[in-house]
PDB file of N, CA and C in Angstrom:
ATOM      1  N   MET A   1       0.909  -1.405  -0.105  1.00  0.00           N
ATOM      2  CA  MET A   1       0.051  -0.174  -0.018  1.00  0.00           C
ATOM      3  C   MET A   1       0.908   1.211  -0.236  1.00  0.00           C
ATOM      4  N   VAL A   2       0.698   1.512  -0.693  1.00  0.00           N
ATOM      5  CA  VAL A   2       1.346   3.701  -1.090  1.00  0.00           C
ATOM      6  C   VAL A   2       0.874   4.378   0.150  1.00  0.00           C
ATOM      7  N   PRO A   3       1.637   5.214   0.775  1.00  0.00           N
ATOM      8  CA  PRO A   3       1.184   6.274   1.945  1.00  0.00           C
ATOM      9  C   PRO A   3       0.868   7.086   1.326  1.00  0.00           C
ATOM     10  N   GLN A   4      -0.323   8.028   1.762  1.00  0.00           N
ATOM     11  CA  GLN A   4      -1.180   8.486   0.602  1.00  0.00           C
ATOM     12  C   GLN A   4      -0.206   9.843   0.652  1.00  0.00           C
ATOM     13  N   GLU A   5       0.777  10.285   1.395  1.00  0.00           N
ATOM     14  CA  GLU A   5       1.639  11.385   1.363  1.00  0.00           C
ATOM     15  C   GLU A   5       2.007  11.332  -0.537  1.00  0.00           C
ATOM     16  N   ASP A   6       2.572   9.846  -0.626  1.00  0.00           N
ATOM     17  CA  ASP A   6       3.492   9.433  -1.480  1.00  0.00           C
ATOM     18  C   ASP A   6       3.101   9.627  -2.635  1.00  0.00           C
ATOM     19  N   GLU A   7       1.882   9.417  -3.192  1.00  0.00           N
ATOM     20  CA  GLU A   7       1.040   8.932  -4.386  1.00  0.00           C
ATOM     21  C   GLU A   7       1.143   9.551  -5.245  1.00  0.00           C
ATOM     22  N   ALA A   8       1.144  11.009  -5.071  1.00  0.00           N
ATOM     23  CA  ALA A   8       1.344  12.251  -6.452  1.00  0.00           C
ATOM     24  C   ALA A   8       2.894  11.448  -6.805  1.00  0.00           C
ATOM     25  N   LYS A   9       3.847  11.241  -6.179  1.00  0.00           N
ATOM     26  CA  LYS A   9       5.635  11.151  -6.209  1.00  0.00           C
ATOM     27  C   LYS A   9       5.397   9.781  -6.779  1.00  0.00           C
ATOM     28  N   TYR A  10       4.470   8.508  -6.629  1.00  0.00           N
ATOM     29  CA  TYR A  10       4.417   7.399  -6.845  1.00  0.00           C
ATOM     30  C   TYR A  10       3.602   7.659  -8.561  1.00  0.00           C
ATOM     31  N   ARG A  11       2.523   8.765  -8.885  1.00  0.00           N
ATOM     32  CA  ARG A  11       1.954   8.659  -9.948  1.00  0.00           C
ATOM     33  C   ARG A  11       3.503   9.266 -11.093  1.00  0.00           C
ATOM     34  N   GLU A  12       3.766  10.353 -10.610  1.00  0.00           N
ATOM     35  CA  GLU A  12       4.592  10.717 -11.466  1.00  0.00           C
ATOM     36  C   GLU A  12       5.890  10.090 -11.699  1.00  0.00           C
ATOM     37  N   ALA A  13       6.080   8.962 -10.801  1.00  0.00           N
ATOM     38  CA  ALA A  13       7.203   8.068 -11.064  1.00  0.00           C
ATOM     39  C   ALA A  13       6.353   7.337 -12.506  1.00  0.00           C
ATOM     40  N   GLY A  14       5.387   7.005 -11.984  1.00  0.00           N
ATOM     41  CA  GLY A  14       4.791   5.990 -13.036  1.00  0.00           C
ATOM     42  C   GLY A  14       4.488   6.388 -14.341  1.00  0.00           C
ATOM     43  N   THR A  15       4.639   8.071 -14.648  1.00  0.00           N
ATOM     44  CA  THR A  15       4.490   8.812 -15.728  1.00  0.00           C
ATOM     45  C   THR A  15       5.469   8.698 -16.370  1.00  0.00           C
ATOM     46  N   LEU A  16       6.798   8.676 -15.255  1.00  0.00           N
ATOM     47  CA  LEU A  16       8.055   8.945 -15.894  1.00  0.00           C
ATOM     48  C   LEU A  16       8.159   7.864 -16.871  1.00  0.00           C
ATOM     49  N   ILE A  17       8.010   6.707 -16.000  1.00  0.00           N
ATOM     50  CA  ILE A  17       8.482   4.878 -16.553  1.00  0.00           C
ATOM     51  C   ILE A  17       7.587   5.016 -18.361  1.00  0.00           C
ATOM     52  N   ASN A  18       6.354   5.416 -18.051  1.00  0.00           N
ATOM     53  CA  ASN A  18       5.394   5.434 -18.831  1.00  0.00           C
ATOM     54  C   ASN A  18       6.007   5.756 -20.301  1.00  0.00           C
ATOM     55  N   GLU A  19       6.600   7.357 -19.651  1.00  0.00           N
ATOM     56  CA  GLU A  19       6.971   8.224 -21.030  1.00  0.00           C
ATOM     57  C   GLU A  19       8.272   7.420 -21.824  1.00  0.00           C
ATOM     58  N   ARG A  20       9.455   7.278 -21.130  1.00  0.00           N
ATOM     59  CA  ARG A  20      10.322   6.777 -21.546  1.00  0.00           C
ATOM     60  C   ARG A  20      10.198   5.228 -21.700  1.00  0.00           C
ATOM     61  N   LEU A  21       9.357   4.457 -21.476  1.00  0.00           N
ATOM     62  CA  LEU A  21       9.188   3.216 -22.406  1.00  0.00           C
ATOM     63  C   LEU A  21       8.826   3.862 -23.695  1.00  0.00           C
ATOM     64  N   ASN A  22       7.641   4.562 -23.679  1.00  0.00           N
ATOM     65  CA  ASN A  22       6.985   4.729 -25.130  1.00  0.00           C
ATOM     66  C   ASN A  22       8.061   5.030 -25.962  1.00  0.00           C
ATOM     67  N   THR A  23       8.707   6.397 -25.277  1.00  0.00           N
ATOM     68  CA  THR A  23      10.217   6.986 -26.333  1.00  0.00           C
ATOM     69  C   THR A  23      10.809   5.839 -27.053  1.00  0.00           C
ATOM     70  N   TYR A  24      11.125   5.085 -26.122  1.00  0.00           N
ATOM     71  CA  TYR A  24      11.995   3.432 -26.647  1.00  0.00           C
ATOM     72  C   TYR A  24      11.342   2.418 -27.416  1.00  0.00           C
ATOM     73  N   PHE A  25      10.176   2.284 -27.078  1.00  0.00           N
ATOM     74  CA  PHE A  25       9.798   1.653 -27.971  1.00  0.00           C
ATOM     75  C   PHE A  25       9.206   2.075 -28.948  1.00  0.00           C
ATOM     76  N   ASN A  26       8.936   2.913 -29.388  1.00  0.00           N
ATOM     77  CA  ASN A  26       8.690   4.046 -30.480  1.00  0.00           C
ATOM     78  C   ASN A  26       9.959   4.090 -31.090  1.00  0.00           C
ATOM     79  N   TYR A  27      11.258   4.077 -31.078  1.00  0.00           N
ATOM     80  CA  TYR A  27      12.370   4.294 -31.719  1.00  0.00           C
ATOM     81  C   TYR A  27      12.995   2.690 -31.926  1.00  0.00           C
ATOM     82  N   TYR A  28      12.655   1.833 -31.502  1.00  0.00           N
ATOM     83  CA  TYR A  28      13.323   0.506 -31.298  1.00  0.00           C
ATOM     84  C   TYR A  28      12.248  -0.392 -31.851  1.00  0.00           C
ATOM     85  N   LYS A  29      10.990  -0.329 -32.006  1.00  0.00           N
ATOM     86  CA  LYS A  29      10.012  -0.730 -31.948  1.00  0.00           C
ATOM     87  C   LYS A  29      10.291  -2.300 -32.884  1.00  0.00           C
ATOM     88  N   ASP A  30      10.573  -2.252 -34.035  1.00  0.00           N
ATOM     89  CA  ASP A  30      11.056  -3.490 -34.538  1.00  0.00           C
ATOM     90  C   ASP A  30      12.176  -4.235 -34.644  1.00  0.00           C
ATOM     91  N   ALA A  31      13.425  -3.343 -33.937  1.00  0.00           N
ATOM     92  CA  ALA A  31      14.612  -3.799 -33.857  1.00  0.00           C
ATOM     93  C   ALA A  31      14.893  -4.584 -32.816  1.00  0.00           C
ATOM     94  N   LYS A  32      14.387  -4.475 -31.710  1.00  0.00           N
ATOM     95  CA  LYS A  32      14.943  -4.825 -30.263  1.00  0.00           C
ATOM     96  C   LYS A  32      13.624  -5.387 -29.309  1.00  0.00           C
ATOM     97  N   SER A  33      13.622  -6.467 -28.851  1.00  0.00           N
ATOM     98  CA  SER A  33      12.929  -7.286 -28.348  1.00  0.00           C
ATOM     99  C   SER A  33      12.431  -6.349 -26.882  1.00  0.00           C
ATOM    100  N   ASN A  34      11.190  -6.749 -26.429  1.00  0.00           N
ATOM    101  CA  ASN A  34      10.432  -6.033 -25.309  1.00  0.00           C
ATOM    102  C   ASN A  34      11.422  -5.934 -24.492  1.00  0.00           C
ATOM    103  N   LYS A  35      12.161  -7.240 -24.359  1.00  0.00           N
ATOM    104  CA  LYS A  35      12.881  -6.919 -22.853  1.00  0.00           C
ATOM    105  C   LYS A  35      14.257  -6.062 -23.181  1.00  0.00           C
ATOM    106  N   GLU A  36      14.690  -6.015 -23.953  1.00  0.00           N
ATOM    107  CA  GLU A  36      15.955  -5.210 -24.313  1.00  0.00           C
ATOM    108  C   GLU A  36      15.356  -3.728 -24.229  1.00  0.00           C
ATOM    109  N   ILE A  37      13.752  -3.184 -24.995  1.00  0.00           N
ATOM    110  CA  ILE A  37      13.380  -2.160 -24.493  1.00  0.00           C
ATOM    111  C   ILE A  37      13.199  -1.592 -23.065  1.00  0.00           C
ATOM    112  N   TYR A  38      12.204  -2.498 -22.143  1.00  0.00           N
ATOM    113  CA  TYR A  38      13.042  -2.532 -20.551  1.00  0.00           C
ATOM    114  C   TYR A  38      13.944  -2.293 -20.171  1.00  0.00           C
ATOM    115  N   PHE A  39      15.291  -3.132 -20.543  1.00  0.00           N
ATOM    116  CA  PHE A  39      16.429  -2.029 -19.829  1.00  0.00           C
ATOM    117  C   PHE A  39      17.177  -1.275 -20.146  1.00  0.00           C
ATOM    118  N   TYR A  40      16.726  -0.619 -21.396  1.00  0.00           N
ATOM    119  CA  TYR A  40      16.996   0.517 -21.847  1.00  0.00           C
ATOM    120  C   TYR A  40      16.327   1.384 -20.797  1.00  0.00           C
ATOM    121  N   ALA A  41      15.366   1.492 -20.800  1.00  0.00           N
ATOM    122  CA  ALA A  41      14.340   2.374 -20.314  1.00  0.00           C
ATOM    123  C   ALA A  41      14.921   2.121 -18.200  1.00  0.00           C
ATOM    124  N   MET A  42      15.355   1.026 -18.065  1.00  0.00           N
ATOM    125  CA  MET A  42      15.611   0.755 -16.844  1.00  0.00           C
ATOM    126  C   MET A  42      17.034   1.665 -16.600  1.00  0.00           C
ATOM    127  N   ILE A  43      17.794   1.602 -17.611  1.00  0.00           N
ATOM    128  CA  ILE A  43      19.059   1.995 -17.461  1.00  0.00           C
ATOM    129  C   ILE A  43      18.899   3.612 -17.623  1.00  0.00           C
ATOM    130  N   ASP A  44      18.307   4.326 -18.595  1.00  0.00           N
ATOM    131  CA  ASP A  44      18.045   5.475 -18.400  1.00  0.00           C
ATOM    132  C   ASP A  44      17.375   6.228 -17.540  1.00  0.00           C
ATOM    133  N   ILE A  45      16.892   5.959 -16.971  1.00  0.00           N
ATOM    134  CA  ILE A  45      16.077   5.776 -15.701  1.00  0.00           C
ATOM    135  C   ILE A  45      16.943   6.159 -14.732  1.00  0.00           C
ATOM    136  N   ALA A  46      17.682   5.125 -14.225  1.00  0.00           N
ATOM    137  CA  ALA A  46      18.717   5.109 -13.298  1.00  0.00           C
ATOM    138  C   ALA A  46      20.235   5.848 -13.629  1.00  0.00           C
ATOM    139  N   LEU A  47      20.332   6.054 -14.628  1.00  0.00           N
ATOM    140  CA  LEU A  47      21.433   7.200 -15.249  1.00  0.00           C
ATOM    141  C   LEU A  47      20.801   8.827 -14.621  1.00  0.00           C
ATOM    142  N   LYS A  48      19.690   8.662 -14.473  1.00  0.00           N
ATOM    143  CA  LYS A  48      19.385  10.141 -14.633  1.00  0.00           C
ATOM    144  C   LYS A  48      19.369  10.353 -12.957  1.00  0.00           C
ATOM    145  N   TYR A  49      19.008   9.372 -12.248  1.00  0.00           N
ATOM    146  CA  TYR A  49      18.611   9.720 -10.817  1.00  0.00           C
ATOM    147  C   TYR A  49      20.502   9.729 -10.369  1.00  0.00           C
ATOM    148  N   ILE A  50      21.427   9.110 -10.659  1.00  0.00           N
ATOM    149  CA  ILE A  50      22.610   8.599 -10.789  1.00  0.00           C
ATOM    150  C   ILE A  50      23.366  10.396 -10.762  1.00  0.00           C
ATOM    151  N   ASN A  51      22.728  10.630 -11.935  1.00  0.00           N
ATOM    152  CA  ASN A  51      23.469  11.870 -12.328  1.00  0.00           C
ATOM    153  C   ASN A  51      22.879  13.061 -11.146  1.00  0.00           C
ATOM    154  N   GLU A  52      21.368  13.273 -10.971  1.00  0.00           N
ATOM    155  CA  GLU A  52      20.602  13.864 -10.529  1.00  0.00           C
ATOM    156  C   GLU A  52      21.050  14.150  -9.042  1.00  0.00           C
ATOM    157  N   SER A  53      21.477  12.730  -8.476  1.00  0.00           N
ATOM    158  CA  SER A  53      22.153  12.818  -7.124  1.00  0.00           C
ATOM    159  C   SER A  53      23.443  13.164  -6.499  1.00  0.00           C
ATOM    160  N   LYS A  54      24.423  12.902  -7.919  1.00  0.00           N
ATOM    161  CA  LYS A  54      25.530  13.775  -7.660  1.00  0.00           C
ATOM    162  C   LYS A  54      25.547  15.193  -7.779  1.00  0.00           C
ATOM    163  N   ARG A  55      24.258  15.764  -8.640  1.00  0.00           N
ATOM    164  CA  ARG A  55      24.305  16.993  -8.738  1.00  0.00           C
ATOM    165  C   ARG A  55      24.065  17.434  -7.473  1.00  0.00           C
ATOM    166  N   ASN A  56      23.783  17.262  -6.777  1.00  0.00           N
ATOM    167  CA  ASN A  56      22.670  17.964  -5.325  1.00  0.00           C
ATOM    168  C   ASN A  56      23.719  16.902  -4.521  1.00  0.00           C
ATOM    169  N   ASP A  57      24.637  17.002  -4.550  1.00  0.00           N
ATOM    170  CA  ASP A  57      25.637  16.319  -3.090  1.00  0.00           C
ATOM    171  C   ASP A  57      26.502  17.119  -3.069  1.00  0.00           C
ATOM    172  N   THR A  58      26.045  18.023  -1.678  1.00  0.00           N
ATOM    173  CA  THR A  58      26.846  18.930  -1.227  1.00  0.00           C
ATOM    174  C   THR A  58      27.670  18.639  -0.352  1.00  0.00           C
ATOM    175  N   LYS A  59      28.298  17.627  -0.423  1.00  0.00           N
ATOM    176  CA  LYS A  59      29.578  17.143   0.813  1.00  0.00           C
ATOM    177  C   LYS A  59      30.386  17.788   0.353  1.00  0.00           C
ATOM    178  N   PRO A  60      30.801  17.497  -0.972  1.00  0.00           N
ATOM    179  CA  PRO A  60      32.581  18.627  -1.275  1.00  0.00           C
ATOM    180  C   PRO A  60      32.334  19.798  -0.780  1.00  0.00           C
ATOM    181  N   ILE A  61      30.839  20.480  -1.277  1.00  0.00           N
ATOM    182  CA  ILE A  61      31.137  22.057  -1.228  1.00  0.00           C
ATOM    183  C   ILE A  61      31.187  22.475   0.750  1.00  0.00           C
ATOM    184  N   ILE A  62      30.647  21.692   1.499  1.00  0.00           N
ATOM    185  CA  ILE A  62      30.559  21.046   3.317  1.00  0.00           C
ATOM    186  C   ILE A  62      31.679  21.476   3.021  1.00  0.00           C
ATOM    187  N   ASN A  63      32.477  20.755   3.215  1.00  0.00           N
ATOM    188  CA  ASN A  63      33.940  20.216   3.485  1.00  0.00           C
ATOM    189  C   ASN A  63      35.015  21.412   3.081  1.00  0.00           C
ATOM    190  N   ILE A  64      34.583  21.988   1.725  1.00  0.00           N
ATOM    191  CA  ILE A  64      35.478  23.450   1.536  1.00  0.00           C
ATOM    192  C   ILE A  64      35.182  24.379   1.814  1.00  0.00           C
ATOM    193  N   LEU A  65      33.536  24.671   2.591  1.00  0.00           N
ATOM    194  CA  LEU A  65      33.395  25.544   3.611  1.00  0.00           C
ATOM    195  C   LEU A  65      33.963  25.617   5.382  1.00  0.00           C
ATOM    196  N   GLU A  66      34.351  24.312   5.513  1.00  0.00           N
ATOM    197  CA  GLU A  66      34.937  23.904   6.909  1.00  0.00           C
ATOM    198  C   GLU A  66      36.641  24.304   7.133  1.00  0.00           C
ATOM    199  N   GLU A  67      36.676  23.965   5.713  1.00  0.00           N
ATOM    200  CA  GLU A  67      38.291  24.269   5.919  1.00  0.00           C
ATOM    201  C   GLU A  67      38.481  25.727   5.477  1.00  0.00           C
ATOM    202  N   LEU A  68      38.053  26.460   4.806  1.00  0.00           N
ATOM    203  CA  LEU A  68      37.909  27.942   4.497  1.00  0.00           C
ATOM    204  C   LEU A  68      37.439  28.422   6.042  1.00  0.00           C
ATOM    205  N   ASN A  69      36.516  28.130   6.564  1.00  0.00           N
ATOM    206  CA  ASN A  69      36.169  28.582   8.264  1.00  0.00           C
ATOM    207  C   ASN A  69      37.697  28.027   9.116  1.00  0.00           C
ATOM    208  N   LYS A  70      38.048  27.401   9.237  1.00  0.00           N
ATOM    209  CA  LYS A  70      39.334  26.600   9.432  1.00  0.00           C
ATOM    210  C   LYS A  70      40.225  28.053   9.271  1.00  0.00           C
ATOM    211  N   GLU A  71      40.653  28.059   7.967  1.00  0.00           N
ATOM    212  CA  GLU A  71      41.687  28.829   8.294  1.00  0.00           C
ATOM    213  C   GLU A  71      41.519  30.820   8.000  1.00  0.00           C
ATOM    214  N   ILE A  72      40.087  31.075   8.132  1.00  0.00           N
ATOM    215  CA  ILE A  72      39.670  32.218   8.623  1.00  0.00           C
ATOM    216  C   ILE A  72      39.799  32.483  10.393  1.00  0.00           C
ATOM    217  N   GLU A  73      39.263  31.077  10.840  1.00  0.00           N
ATOM    218  CA  GLU A  73      39.652  31.254  12.383  1.00  0.00           C
ATOM    219  C   GLU A  73      40.965  31.624  12.520  1.00  0.00           C
ATOM    220  N   GLU A  74      41.551  30.517  12.118  1.00  0.00           N
ATOM    221  CA  GLU A  74      43.457  30.716  12.172  1.00  0.00           C
ATOM    222  C   GLU A  74      43.623  32.347  12.297  1.00  0.00           C
ATOM    223  N   SER A  75      43.507  32.366  11.180  1.00  0.00           N
ATOM    224  CA  SER A  75      44.307  33.750  10.728  1.00  0.00           C
ATOM    225  C   SER A  75      43.605  34.988  11.769  1.00  0.00           C
ATOM    226  N   LEU A  76      42.579  35.226  12.511  1.00  0.00           N
ATOM    227  CA  LEU A  76      42.383  36.042  13.018  1.00  0.00           C
ATOM    228  C   LEU A  76      42.793  35.722  14.690  1.00  0.00           C
ATOM    229  N   LYS A  77      43.629  34.812  14.553  1.00  0.00           N
ATOM    230  CA  LYS A  77      43.838  34.609  15.983  1.00  0.00           C
ATOM    231  C   LYS A  77      45.071  35.803  16.541  1.00  0.00           C
TER     232      LYS A  77
END
């Protein structure tokens, strides 16, 4: 069962999956098997997820800010 607060996200995810599958089915309809097309769509969605998660990775920025903060504190002593 899907939690009520996540229903919109599930619908949006379903739409994304359907759009991606339709794109690949239209492009490869007679050239690839359905199984291959499903795999292409899954890989495409996974790559989008990976790229987005790396784009939002704030750890390197936080580390740089912490180092700068240390340097500033040292210079003010």
